Protein backbone atom coordinates (compact mmCIF):
# COMPACT_ATOMS: atom_id res chain seq x y z
CA MET A 1 39.25 107.55 57.34
CA THR A 2 36.25 109.90 57.11
CA ILE A 3 33.56 108.71 54.69
CA PRO A 4 31.25 111.44 53.32
CA LEU A 5 27.60 110.39 53.04
CA GLY A 6 26.23 113.63 51.73
CA THR A 7 26.00 117.22 52.88
CA ALA A 8 27.04 117.54 56.55
CA SER A 9 27.16 113.76 57.02
CA ALA A 10 30.30 111.69 57.52
CA ILE A 11 31.13 108.44 59.30
CA GLY A 12 34.23 106.34 59.89
CA VAL A 13 35.03 103.03 58.22
CA THR A 14 34.32 101.17 61.49
CA THR A 15 30.73 102.43 61.51
CA ALA A 16 30.53 101.63 57.79
CA ALA A 17 31.52 98.05 58.58
CA GLY A 18 28.62 97.82 61.03
CA ILE A 19 26.18 99.14 58.42
CA ALA A 20 27.51 96.60 55.90
CA ALA A 21 26.94 93.79 58.40
CA ALA A 22 23.42 95.06 59.03
CA LEU A 23 22.68 94.99 55.30
CA GLY A 24 23.67 91.34 55.21
CA PHE A 25 21.14 90.54 57.93
CA ALA A 26 18.53 92.75 56.26
CA ARG A 27 18.91 90.87 52.99
CA TRP A 28 18.58 87.59 54.82
CA HIS A 29 15.31 88.75 56.40
CA ALA A 30 14.05 89.78 52.97
CA ALA A 31 15.12 86.46 51.43
CA ARG A 32 13.32 84.37 54.05
CA ARG A 33 10.03 85.95 52.97
CA ARG A 34 10.51 85.70 49.21
CA THR A 35 9.07 83.00 46.97
CA PRO A 36 11.07 81.97 43.86
CA SER A 37 9.57 83.23 40.64
CA LEU A 38 10.39 82.63 37.00
CA ASP A 39 9.81 86.31 36.31
CA THR A 40 12.89 87.32 38.31
CA LEU A 41 15.30 84.82 36.76
CA ALA A 42 15.95 86.77 33.59
CA THR A 43 15.99 90.30 35.04
CA PRO A 44 19.22 92.16 34.24
CA LEU A 45 22.06 91.56 36.65
CA GLU A 46 22.74 94.71 38.60
CA ASP A 47 24.70 95.70 41.63
CA ASP A 48 22.03 95.24 44.27
CA ASP A 49 23.60 97.86 46.50
CA LEU A 50 22.76 100.49 43.89
CA GLN A 51 19.11 99.91 44.73
CA LEU A 52 19.73 100.96 48.32
CA GLY A 53 19.61 104.55 49.47
CA LYS A 54 22.64 106.74 48.90
CA ALA A 55 23.82 106.68 52.51
CA LEU A 56 23.47 102.89 52.79
CA HIS A 57 25.23 102.36 49.49
CA ARG A 58 28.14 104.66 50.26
CA SER A 59 28.76 103.22 53.71
CA ASN A 60 28.60 99.67 52.35
CA GLN A 61 30.95 100.44 49.45
CA ALA A 62 33.42 102.14 51.80
CA HIS A 63 33.59 99.05 53.97
CA LEU A 64 33.96 96.76 50.96
CA ALA A 65 36.72 98.98 49.60
CA SER A 66 38.60 98.62 52.88
CA ARG A 67 38.43 94.83 52.49
CA ALA A 68 39.45 94.72 48.84
CA THR A 69 42.76 93.01 48.24
CA ARG A 70 45.21 95.13 46.27
CA HIS A 71 47.86 93.03 44.49
CA HIS A 72 49.10 95.72 42.16
CA ASN A 73 52.35 97.51 41.57
CA PRO A 74 51.93 101.20 42.44
CA ASP A 75 54.75 102.03 40.01
CA THR A 76 52.70 100.81 37.04
CA MET A 77 49.12 101.56 38.07
CA THR A 78 47.49 104.09 40.37
CA ARG A 79 44.43 103.07 42.32
CA ARG A 80 42.23 105.32 44.37
CA THR A 81 43.18 105.19 48.01
CA ALA A 82 40.95 102.72 49.86
CA PRO A 83 39.77 103.50 53.38
CA ALA A 84 41.76 102.06 56.24
CA ASP A 85 40.66 98.76 57.72
CA PRO A 86 37.90 99.07 60.32
CA GLU A 87 38.56 98.52 63.99
CA GLN A 88 37.82 95.15 65.61
CA PRO A 89 34.15 93.96 65.66
CA GLY A 90 32.22 95.54 68.51
CA THR A 91 34.32 98.71 68.53
CA VAL A 92 32.51 102.07 68.40
CA THR A 93 34.35 105.07 66.97
CA ILE A 94 33.06 108.64 67.13
CA ALA A 95 35.64 110.91 65.52
CA GLU A 96 38.85 111.19 63.51
CA ARG A 97 42.02 112.76 64.83
CA ALA A 98 45.47 112.82 63.22
CA GLY A 99 44.42 110.14 60.74
CA GLN A 100 43.13 107.74 63.39
CA GLU A 101 39.60 106.90 64.50
CA VAL A 102 38.82 107.88 68.08
CA HIS A 103 37.12 105.24 70.24
CA ILE A 104 34.01 105.90 72.27
CA ASP A 105 36.01 105.60 75.51
CA ALA A 106 37.02 109.20 74.86
CA LEU A 107 33.56 110.12 76.17
CA ALA A 108 33.82 107.84 79.23
CA VAL A 109 35.46 110.38 81.54
CA PRO A 110 34.61 111.30 85.14
CA GLY A 111 32.23 114.23 85.26
CA GLY A 112 30.53 113.49 81.94
CA VAL A 113 30.59 115.35 78.63
CA HIS A 114 28.28 118.13 77.50
CA LEU A 115 27.89 118.40 73.71
CA GLU A 116 27.08 121.86 72.39
CA GLY A 117 27.36 123.83 69.20
CA PRO A 118 25.90 123.48 65.67
CA GLY A 119 27.27 119.96 65.22
CA ALA A 120 26.19 118.55 68.58
CA GLU A 121 23.00 116.90 67.35
CA GLY A 122 24.76 115.46 64.30
CA ALA A 123 27.41 113.91 66.55
CA ALA A 124 24.73 112.48 68.83
CA ARG A 125 22.93 110.96 65.84
CA HIS A 126 26.13 109.30 64.74
CA LEU A 127 26.57 107.98 68.27
CA LEU A 128 23.19 106.24 68.04
CA ILE A 129 24.00 104.69 64.65
CA ALA A 130 27.58 103.75 65.55
CA ILE A 131 26.50 101.86 68.68
CA ALA A 132 23.78 99.99 66.79
CA GLY A 133 26.11 99.24 63.88
CA ALA A 134 28.89 97.89 66.09
CA ALA A 135 26.44 95.37 67.57
CA GLN A 136 25.72 93.93 64.10
CA ARG A 137 29.31 92.74 63.68
CA LEU A 138 29.09 90.74 66.93
CA ARG A 139 25.80 88.96 66.41
CA PRO A 140 24.74 86.65 67.95
CA THR A 141 26.90 87.63 70.92
CA PRO A 142 25.76 90.68 72.96
CA PRO A 143 27.02 94.19 72.18
CA ARG A 144 30.20 95.50 73.77
CA VAL A 145 28.63 98.96 73.95
CA GLN A 146 25.05 99.55 75.10
CA LEU A 147 23.10 102.78 74.70
CA LEU A 148 20.83 104.00 77.50
CA THR A 149 18.48 106.84 76.68
CA ASP A 150 14.86 107.91 76.83
CA THR A 151 12.37 107.98 73.97
CA ALA A 152 12.22 111.79 73.97
CA THR A 153 15.93 112.02 73.14
CA VAL A 154 15.61 109.51 70.30
CA ARG A 155 12.57 111.34 68.91
CA ARG A 156 14.55 114.56 68.93
CA LEU A 157 17.41 113.01 66.98
CA LEU A 158 15.54 110.47 64.81
CA PRO A 159 11.92 111.64 64.57
CA ASP A 160 10.91 109.02 61.96
CA ILE A 161 12.15 105.95 63.91
CA GLU A 162 9.52 104.16 65.98
CA ALA A 163 11.50 101.07 67.07
CA SER A 164 14.85 100.26 68.62
CA VAL A 165 17.61 97.74 68.03
CA PRO A 166 19.03 95.44 70.73
CA ALA A 167 22.02 97.74 71.35
CA TRP A 168 19.63 100.48 72.45
CA THR A 169 17.73 100.44 75.73
CA LEU A 170 15.01 103.08 75.62
CA THR A 171 13.03 104.19 78.65
CA GLU A 172 9.93 106.32 78.91
CA HIS A 173 11.55 108.79 81.31
CA SER A 174 15.13 109.95 81.74
CA THR A 175 15.11 109.01 85.43
CA GLU A 176 14.64 105.36 84.43
CA ALA A 177 17.66 105.57 82.09
CA VAL A 178 19.74 107.01 84.94
CA GLN A 179 18.65 104.15 87.17
CA LEU A 180 19.74 101.60 84.55
CA ALA A 181 23.12 103.33 84.30
CA GLU A 182 23.51 103.02 88.07
CA HIS A 183 22.78 99.31 87.84
CA ALA A 184 25.38 99.02 85.04
CA LEU A 185 28.04 100.45 87.37
CA LEU A 186 27.02 97.90 90.00
CA GLU A 187 27.56 95.13 87.45
CA HIS A 188 31.09 96.39 86.83
CA ALA A 189 31.77 96.56 90.56
CA ARG A 190 30.58 92.98 91.03
CA HIS A 191 32.76 91.87 88.13
CA GLN A 192 35.84 93.57 89.57
CA GLN A 193 35.21 91.85 92.89
CA ARG A 194 34.73 88.55 91.05
CA MET A 195 31.17 88.23 92.22
CA ASP A 196 29.73 87.37 88.78
CA THR A 197 27.29 84.46 88.89
CA GLU A 198 27.38 83.81 85.13
CA ALA A 199 30.14 83.76 82.54
CA LEU A 200 30.32 86.93 80.44
CA GLU A 201 30.62 86.89 76.66
CA HIS A 202 33.30 89.58 76.53
CA ASP A 203 35.09 88.95 79.87
CA ALA A 204 33.58 92.16 81.24
CA PRO A 205 30.18 93.89 81.29
CA ALA A 206 29.40 96.19 78.37
CA LEU A 207 30.33 99.85 78.30
CA HIS A 208 27.06 101.73 78.84
CA VAL A 209 26.56 105.12 77.23
CA LEU A 210 23.91 107.29 78.90
CA LEU A 211 22.72 109.91 76.39
CA LEU A 212 20.13 112.43 77.56
CA ASP A 213 18.57 115.58 76.22
CA GLY A 214 19.85 118.43 78.39
CA GLU A 215 16.48 120.12 78.10
CA SER A 216 14.54 117.21 79.57
CA PRO A 217 12.32 118.53 82.44
CA ASP A 218 12.14 115.24 84.36
CA THR A 219 15.90 114.78 84.88
CA ASP A 220 17.23 114.88 88.46
CA ALA A 221 20.30 117.06 87.89
CA GLY A 222 21.89 116.21 91.23
CA ARG A 223 21.51 112.47 90.74
CA LEU A 224 22.85 112.79 87.21
CA GLN A 225 25.90 114.73 88.37
CA ALA A 226 26.65 112.10 91.01
CA LEU A 227 26.40 109.39 88.36
CA ALA A 228 28.59 111.31 85.91
CA ALA A 229 31.29 111.65 88.55
CA ARG A 230 31.60 107.84 88.53
CA ALA A 231 31.96 107.55 84.73
CA ASP A 232 35.06 105.65 83.65
CA ALA A 233 36.61 104.11 80.54
CA GLY A 234 35.15 100.73 79.65
CA GLN A 235 32.30 101.16 82.13
CA LEU A 236 30.14 104.25 81.70
CA ALA A 237 29.98 107.38 79.55
CA VAL A 238 27.50 110.12 80.46
CA VAL A 239 26.67 112.50 77.61
CA ALA A 240 24.31 115.47 77.76
CA LEU A 241 23.04 117.01 74.55
CA GLY A 242 22.53 120.76 74.74
CA GLY A 243 20.37 122.31 77.45
CA THR A 244 21.40 123.97 80.67
CA LEU A 245 21.62 121.09 83.13
CA GLY A 246 25.14 122.08 84.08
CA MET A 247 25.86 118.50 85.14
CA ALA A 248 28.80 117.86 82.81
CA GLN A 249 32.31 118.72 83.86
CA HIS A 250 33.62 118.63 80.29
CA GLN A 251 32.24 120.98 77.64
CA LEU A 252 32.80 119.93 74.02
CA SER A 253 31.86 122.43 71.34
CA ILE A 254 31.22 120.91 67.91
CA ALA A 255 31.16 123.08 64.80
CA GLY A 256 28.92 122.47 61.82
CA ASP A 257 31.76 120.70 59.98
CA GLY A 258 32.45 118.41 62.94
CA THR A 259 35.52 120.23 64.27
CA SER A 260 35.52 119.94 68.05
CA THR A 261 37.15 122.11 70.70
CA GLY A 262 37.24 121.84 74.47
CA ALA A 263 37.37 118.84 76.76
CA PRO A 264 37.93 115.93 77.06
CA ALA A 265 41.46 116.26 75.69
CA ALA A 266 41.17 113.19 73.43
CA LEU A 267 38.51 115.01 71.39
CA ASP A 268 40.00 118.50 71.35
CA SER A 269 40.82 119.42 67.71
CA ALA A 270 39.27 116.16 66.50
CA THR A 271 36.69 115.92 63.71
CA MET A 272 33.50 114.37 65.03
CA PHE A 273 31.50 112.09 62.74
CA LEU A 274 28.17 113.75 61.96
CA LEU A 275 24.83 112.66 60.51
CA THR A 276 21.96 114.80 59.29
CA PRO A 277 18.40 113.70 60.19
CA ASP A 278 17.68 112.29 56.72
CA THR A 279 20.93 110.34 56.45
CA ALA A 280 20.69 109.04 60.02
CA ASN A 281 17.11 107.96 59.39
CA GLU A 282 18.16 106.03 56.28
CA LEU A 283 20.94 104.24 58.14
CA ALA A 284 18.64 103.53 61.08
CA GLN A 285 16.11 101.93 58.74
CA GLY A 286 18.83 99.63 57.45
CA LEU A 287 19.72 98.68 61.01
CA LEU A 288 16.09 98.00 61.87
CA ALA A 289 15.70 95.88 58.73
CA ALA A 290 18.59 93.77 60.04
CA HIS A 291 16.25 92.74 62.86
CA GLY A 292 13.21 91.99 60.73
CA HIS A 293 11.58 95.42 60.66
CA HIS A 294 10.42 95.89 57.07
CA THR A 295 11.27 99.57 56.83
CA VAL A 296 13.93 99.77 54.12
CA PRO A 297 13.46 98.95 50.41
CA LEU A 298 16.28 96.60 49.48
CA GLY A 299 15.32 96.04 45.87
CA PRO A 300 15.24 92.41 44.72
CA THR A 301 15.94 90.35 47.80
CA ASP A 302 18.99 88.18 47.93
CA ALA A 303 21.04 85.94 50.17
CA SER A 304 22.94 87.48 52.97
CA THR A 305 26.44 88.77 52.45
CA PRO A 306 29.32 86.80 53.93
CA GLU A 307 29.80 89.27 56.76
CA PRO A 308 27.16 87.92 59.20
CA ARG A 309 27.22 84.29 58.14
CA PRO A 310 28.94 81.92 60.56
CA ALA A 311 31.44 79.46 59.15
CA THR A 312 29.53 76.21 59.29
CA ALA A 313 30.23 73.08 57.31
CA PRO A 314 27.48 71.97 54.91
CA HIS A 315 25.14 69.46 56.48
CA ARG A 316 22.22 67.69 54.90
CA PRO A 317 18.88 68.59 56.53
CA HIS A 318 17.48 65.06 56.16
CA ASP A 319 18.88 61.56 56.36
CA ALA A 320 21.09 61.38 53.29
CA ARG A 321 22.44 58.15 51.87
CA SER A 322 24.61 59.50 49.13
CA SER A 323 25.51 56.09 47.75
CA LEU A 324 21.83 55.40 46.99
CA ARG A 325 20.78 58.82 45.77
CA PRO A 326 21.37 60.68 42.53
CA GLN A 327 24.57 62.70 42.67
CA PRO A 328 24.57 66.48 42.14
CA PRO A 329 24.80 67.58 38.51
CA ASP A 330 28.28 67.42 37.03
CA PRO A 331 28.94 70.68 35.15
CA ALA A 332 31.40 68.92 32.87
CA LYS A 333 28.68 66.50 31.74
CA ASP A 334 25.49 68.54 31.96
CA ALA A 335 26.63 71.95 30.76
CA GLU A 336 27.06 72.54 27.08
CA PRO A 337 30.76 72.58 26.14
CA PRO A 338 32.08 76.00 25.11
CA THR A 339 32.15 76.49 21.35
CA ARG A 340 34.58 79.43 21.34
CA PRO A 341 38.34 78.84 21.45
CA VAL A 342 38.56 80.71 24.79
CA HIS A 343 36.26 80.09 27.74
CA LEU A 344 36.33 82.10 30.95
CA ALA A 345 34.95 80.46 34.08
CA LEU A 346 34.24 82.92 36.89
CA LEU A 347 31.77 80.92 38.98
CA GLY A 348 33.77 79.33 41.76
CA GLY A 349 36.99 81.20 40.99
CA PHE A 350 38.82 82.30 37.84
CA LYS A 351 39.82 79.93 35.07
CA LEU A 352 40.89 80.57 31.52
CA LEU A 353 40.37 77.57 29.23
CA VAL A 354 41.62 77.22 25.68
CA HIS A 355 39.85 74.53 23.64
CA GLY A 356 38.62 73.02 26.91
CA LYS A 357 41.99 72.91 28.67
CA GLU A 358 42.87 75.23 31.52
CA CYS A 359 45.63 77.67 30.69
CA THR A 360 48.17 78.34 33.42
CA LEU A 361 49.03 81.73 31.92
CA ALA A 362 46.07 83.17 33.82
CA ASP A 363 47.86 82.51 37.11
CA THR A 364 51.06 84.29 36.15
CA ARG A 365 49.64 87.61 35.08
CA LYS A 366 49.19 90.72 37.19
CA GLU A 367 46.13 90.90 39.39
CA GLU A 368 44.86 94.06 37.63
CA THR A 369 44.84 92.25 34.28
CA ARG A 370 42.92 89.33 35.72
CA GLU A 371 40.43 91.68 37.39
CA PHE A 372 39.96 93.60 34.12
CA ILE A 373 39.29 90.37 32.22
CA ALA A 374 36.90 89.14 34.92
CA LEU A 375 35.06 92.47 34.96
CA LEU A 376 34.42 92.33 31.21
CA ALA A 377 33.50 88.65 31.41
CA ALA A 378 30.86 89.45 34.04
CA HIS A 379 29.35 92.17 31.82
CA ALA A 380 28.65 90.56 28.48
CA SER A 381 27.19 93.72 26.95
CA GLY A 382 30.35 95.67 27.73
CA LEU A 383 31.25 98.67 29.87
CA ARG A 384 32.19 102.27 29.26
CA GLY A 385 35.70 103.28 30.17
CA GLU A 386 34.40 105.50 32.98
CA GLU A 387 32.45 102.56 34.41
CA ILE A 388 35.54 100.36 34.36
CA ALA A 389 37.56 103.05 36.12
CA GLU A 390 34.88 103.46 38.77
CA LYS A 391 34.47 99.74 39.42
CA MET A 392 38.21 99.06 39.51
CA GLN A 393 38.94 102.24 41.50
CA LEU A 394 41.41 103.50 38.90
CA ALA A 395 42.97 106.95 38.99
CA ASP A 396 40.62 109.95 39.10
CA ASP A 397 42.71 112.00 36.69
CA PRO A 398 41.24 111.56 33.15
CA THR A 399 44.66 111.38 31.48
CA GLU A 400 45.95 108.76 33.91
CA MET A 401 42.69 106.83 33.67
CA LYS A 402 42.90 106.70 29.85
CA ALA A 403 46.49 105.47 29.98
CA GLU A 404 45.65 102.80 32.54
CA LEU A 405 42.74 101.52 30.44
CA GLU A 406 45.03 101.27 27.41
CA ASN A 407 47.59 99.34 29.45
CA LEU A 408 44.88 96.97 30.71
CA ARG A 409 43.62 96.30 27.17
CA ARG A 410 47.14 95.57 25.93
CA ALA A 411 47.89 93.29 28.88
CA ALA A 412 44.63 91.36 28.46
CA ARG A 413 45.23 90.92 24.74
CA ARG A 414 48.70 89.55 25.47
CA VAL A 415 47.14 86.96 27.78
CA PHE A 416 44.66 85.80 25.16
CA ARG A 417 47.13 85.85 22.27
CA SER A 418 49.76 83.94 24.24
CA ALA A 419 47.18 81.37 25.29
CA THR A 420 45.71 80.82 21.82
CA GLY A 421 48.56 81.67 19.49
CA LYS A 422 46.17 83.93 17.53
CA LYS A 423 48.26 87.08 17.20
CA GLU A 424 45.89 88.73 14.74
CA VAL A 425 42.78 88.66 16.98
CA ALA A 426 42.00 91.63 19.25
CA PHE A 427 39.83 89.60 21.69
CA ILE A 428 38.69 92.86 23.30
CA THR A 429 36.56 95.06 21.08
CA LEU A 430 36.21 98.81 21.48
CA SER A 431 32.99 100.24 20.05
CA GLY A 432 33.22 103.94 20.81
CA PRO A 433 33.65 104.07 24.60
CA ILE A 434 32.37 100.49 25.15
CA HIS A 435 34.90 97.80 26.06
CA ARG A 436 33.72 94.24 25.45
CA LEU A 437 35.12 90.73 25.15
CA ASP A 438 34.74 89.56 21.56
CA PRO A 439 31.90 86.99 21.66
CA GLN A 440 33.18 85.36 18.45
CA TYR A 441 36.24 84.08 20.32
CA ILE A 442 35.38 84.16 24.02
CA SER A 443 32.56 82.50 25.93
CA THR A 444 31.89 82.75 29.67
CA ASP A 445 30.07 80.64 32.23
CA VAL A 446 28.28 83.72 33.56
CA THR A 447 26.72 84.35 30.15
CA ALA A 448 25.85 80.66 29.75
CA PHE A 449 24.24 80.66 33.20
CA THR A 450 22.11 83.74 32.56
CA ASP A 451 21.20 82.50 29.06
CA ALA A 452 19.97 79.22 30.56
CA LEU A 453 17.81 81.16 33.02
CA THR A 454 16.39 83.22 30.18
CA GLN A 455 15.56 80.01 28.27
CA ALA A 456 13.73 78.74 31.34
CA THR A 457 11.49 81.82 31.38
CA ARG A 458 10.71 81.44 27.66
CA ALA A 459 10.23 77.68 27.56
CA ASP A 460 7.10 76.36 25.84
CA SER A 461 6.64 73.38 28.13
CA PRO A 462 7.41 72.41 31.74
CA TYR A 463 9.96 69.86 30.55
CA GLN A 464 11.84 72.38 28.41
CA ARG A 465 11.82 74.71 31.41
CA ALA A 466 13.19 71.96 33.65
CA THR A 467 15.96 71.21 31.14
CA ALA A 468 17.01 74.86 31.10
CA LEU A 469 16.91 75.06 34.90
CA GLN A 470 18.98 71.88 35.12
CA GLN A 471 21.58 73.39 32.81
CA ALA A 472 21.68 76.59 34.88
CA THR A 473 22.12 74.77 38.19
CA ALA A 474 24.90 72.66 36.67
CA LEU A 475 26.73 75.79 35.54
CA TYR A 476 26.61 77.47 38.93
CA THR A 477 29.66 75.91 40.59
CA GLY A 478 30.36 78.62 43.16
CA GLN A 479 30.35 82.32 43.88
CA LEU A 480 31.43 84.82 41.28
CA CYS A 481 35.23 85.27 41.38
CA ASP A 482 35.35 83.30 44.60
CA GLY A 483 38.39 84.21 46.67
CA ALA A 484 38.87 87.64 45.09
CA ASP A 485 37.88 90.82 46.94
CA TYR A 486 36.87 92.77 43.85
CA LEU A 487 34.74 95.72 44.94
CA TRP A 488 32.51 95.53 41.85
CA ALA A 489 31.84 91.80 42.29
CA GLN A 490 29.92 92.08 45.55
CA GLY A 491 26.52 93.00 44.14
CA LEU A 492 26.78 90.68 41.13
CA ARG A 493 27.89 87.86 43.42
CA THR A 494 24.74 88.08 45.52
CA ALA A 495 22.50 88.50 42.47
CA LEU A 496 23.89 85.37 40.80
CA HIS A 497 23.70 83.47 44.08
CA ARG A 498 20.04 84.39 44.43
CA ARG A 499 19.24 83.26 40.90
CA ALA A 500 21.03 79.95 41.41
CA LEU A 501 19.04 79.35 44.58
CA ASP A 502 15.77 80.19 42.84
CA ALA A 503 16.63 77.87 39.95
CA LEU A 504 17.25 75.00 42.37
CA MET A 505 13.97 75.67 44.18
CA LEU A 506 11.96 75.87 40.95
CA LEU A 507 13.59 72.72 39.61
CA ALA A 508 12.82 70.94 42.89
CA GLU A 509 9.16 71.95 42.59
CA HIS A 510 9.00 70.65 39.03
CA THR A 511 10.64 67.40 40.09
CA ALA A 512 8.29 66.94 43.05
CA GLN A 513 5.26 67.44 40.82
CA HIS A 514 6.37 65.24 37.91
CA SER A 515 8.16 62.36 39.61
CA ALA A 516 6.78 59.48 41.66
CA ASP A 517 10.11 59.26 43.48
CA PRO A 518 10.50 62.13 45.98
CA GLU A 519 14.23 61.64 46.47
CA PRO A 520 15.44 63.75 43.49
CA ALA A 521 13.37 66.72 44.71
CA LEU A 522 14.75 66.36 48.22
CA ASP A 523 18.28 66.13 46.83
CA LEU A 524 17.77 69.40 44.96
CA LEU A 525 16.42 71.06 48.10
CA ASN A 526 19.44 69.79 50.01
CA GLN A 527 21.70 71.38 47.42
CA ALA A 528 19.78 74.61 47.95
CA ALA A 529 20.27 74.31 51.72
CA ASP A 530 24.00 73.78 51.22
CA LEU A 531 24.08 76.82 48.93
CA ASP A 532 22.28 79.01 51.47
CA PRO A 533 22.49 77.37 54.92
CA GLU A 534 20.22 79.87 56.73
CA ASN A 535 17.50 80.22 54.10
CA GLU A 536 14.34 79.33 55.98
CA ARG A 537 12.10 78.92 52.95
CA VAL A 538 14.32 76.07 51.70
CA TYR A 539 14.03 74.19 54.98
CA ARG A 540 10.31 74.86 55.10
CA ARG A 541 9.84 73.15 51.76
CA ILE A 542 11.99 70.20 52.88
CA ILE A 543 9.85 69.83 55.99
CA GLN A 544 6.67 69.94 53.91
CA LEU A 545 7.90 67.12 51.67
CA GLN A 546 9.08 65.06 54.63
CA ILE A 547 5.72 65.40 56.37
CA THR A 548 3.88 64.50 53.18
CA LEU A 549 5.98 61.34 52.99
CA GLY A 550 5.28 60.49 56.62
CA ARG A 551 8.84 61.18 57.75
CA ASP A 552 7.94 63.10 60.89
CA ASP A 553 11.21 62.26 62.63
CA ALA A 554 13.21 63.58 59.69
CA ALA A 555 11.05 66.73 59.64
CA HIS A 556 11.80 67.35 63.31
CA ARG A 557 15.53 66.88 62.65
CA THR A 558 15.33 69.36 59.79
CA LEU A 559 13.62 71.88 62.06
CA SER A 560 16.27 71.29 64.72
CA LEU A 561 19.05 71.91 62.20
CA LEU A 562 17.33 75.08 60.99
CA THR A 563 16.92 76.29 64.58
CA ASP A 564 20.62 75.76 65.29
CA ARG A 565 21.69 77.55 62.14
CA LEU A 566 19.39 80.50 62.74
CA ALA A 567 20.57 80.77 66.34
CA ALA A 568 24.09 81.26 64.98
CA ILE A 569 22.89 84.49 63.34
CA ASP A 570 20.71 85.58 66.25
CA GLU A 571 17.40 84.48 64.73
CA ALA A 572 14.72 81.82 65.22
CA PRO A 573 12.27 79.98 62.92
CA GLU A 574 9.12 81.86 62.03
CA PRO A 575 5.75 80.72 63.45
CA ALA A 576 4.69 79.53 59.98
CA THR A 577 7.63 77.11 59.92
CA LEU A 578 6.93 75.80 63.41
CA ALA A 579 3.26 75.34 62.55
CA LEU A 580 4.12 72.85 59.80
CA LEU A 581 4.83 70.13 62.34
CA ASN A 582 1.44 70.65 63.95
CA GLN A 583 -0.54 70.51 60.71
CA ALA A 584 0.68 67.39 58.97
CA PRO A 585 -1.44 66.33 55.96
CA PRO A 586 -2.27 62.68 55.24
CA THR A 587 0.72 60.52 54.37
CA ARG A 588 1.42 60.26 50.65
CA LYS A 589 1.49 56.74 49.24
CA VAL A 590 4.39 56.03 46.92
CA PRO A 591 4.16 53.33 44.24
CA ALA A 592 6.08 50.10 44.79
CA GLY A 593 9.70 50.41 43.84
CA GLY A 594 9.89 54.02 44.99
CA SER A 595 12.78 54.96 47.26
CA SER A 596 10.70 56.82 49.85
CA THR A 597 10.74 53.79 52.14
CA ARG A 598 14.00 55.21 53.53
CA ARG A 599 13.59 57.15 56.75
């Protein structure tokens, strides 16, 4: 339940889920600003999360571990215990008690709560991050919990943060924050009396949390006490941090390790989630990056994770007449056939093919064996036993881990030998500590895809480069191990997705420059839009081509589609995209016989 993020820092899995959602939005913001480059196509595939800070990485991995599907038999294999599932989106948790996360309503008690002790500031920092993180899982709908505080309190807790996220309302003075809290109570009263003039997203106004520095000199103690007396679950929580205001009826003492004593009763003997300044600052930067603030280095940018993406059906940005246009590449025709007796296809799912025919044995084996095979197939150069154990969350005990690895090797070899009838072949080589699929007998689509990208970067001519890019785009038939919640696959999945998108964009540029017919380039861009429905740079290029061809109506429809899709993730087109429709260049003339006469 409690997830350590370093010395004196720990959060719950619900807060971790909010951070993971924020990272998805942050990656999307980074991707919308990135231009495809050949130089990045052949860079080694890595888990992109490893390029994040330690706190961001740990919180993200904890959430992913809670989502991972475990289809194994505990009698035959021991896995590390995954965190419990997070609470529902929008929920804010602040502590752990008796193995359960404690909701923020524990602070919403009449009379207010006064936090004191060595861990008080750490608990208040977590409160800031937890409220902001919970809002990420609800976007684009409003937060269920809203923070009210003044800038002085935030500077005390997060001195390096100069901006706020939508779940925070910051005021210059504490008296203004108190006034906003009073208005929040009025909203609840109007709702209870059915006097609302507009429909509410969550069937009730948000819970407002008023957090103030108890040492603030401009706080009206009497007014604050009167407000605190009206605090109630689901409506208002009033929290004072340190100081001697004496306004809070409930005194909660928090030790340096998070252990809390005192009132309210729901938090007595609980373990509060704590964050140190450095860890809280790192998480806050990730949350700000989710709203377009470029304050966190995310490494190579990539497409957003599935968490924040709405479930929308693919839709072509411009008027498509599929019967008249070239069809998308057929991997069976365009990709080179595997030359090894065994071929593993991981892109779009998991398939084991023997001499070109799918083998049903892969569907009847244990999930751990399939995951082990997929893990090695995704890492052509091999992995150390310790790396396999870490990625698959095997037992921590070295003796158990060694036995489990031996069992996995034997099980995988049985799959390959049964499928091929080659009883004398090992199929999995062991060079010292390195486990690897034998490349003499096994080929994979992941390796073929990355090899094609490498060929594109080393091509001697534009046409050789285009051929390699075409092969790569044909091979990418879907996400890595689609449908499987393998913890280790998350980073590789986004990295491969990003490379496939870049390959489509680069191939579209080549096609636009070397073909009199614009339709093939637009088709490639449409494939890119289907692959990444909220990627603004793809739509921007489509609009540019449409304007060049004099298809202003189609360009406006593309912009409208982009606007709708971005609204679904709480965003809007950038000014540079909007400006395209106000700066149309002269119409391009297409030779007779070209297909650009379609509108």
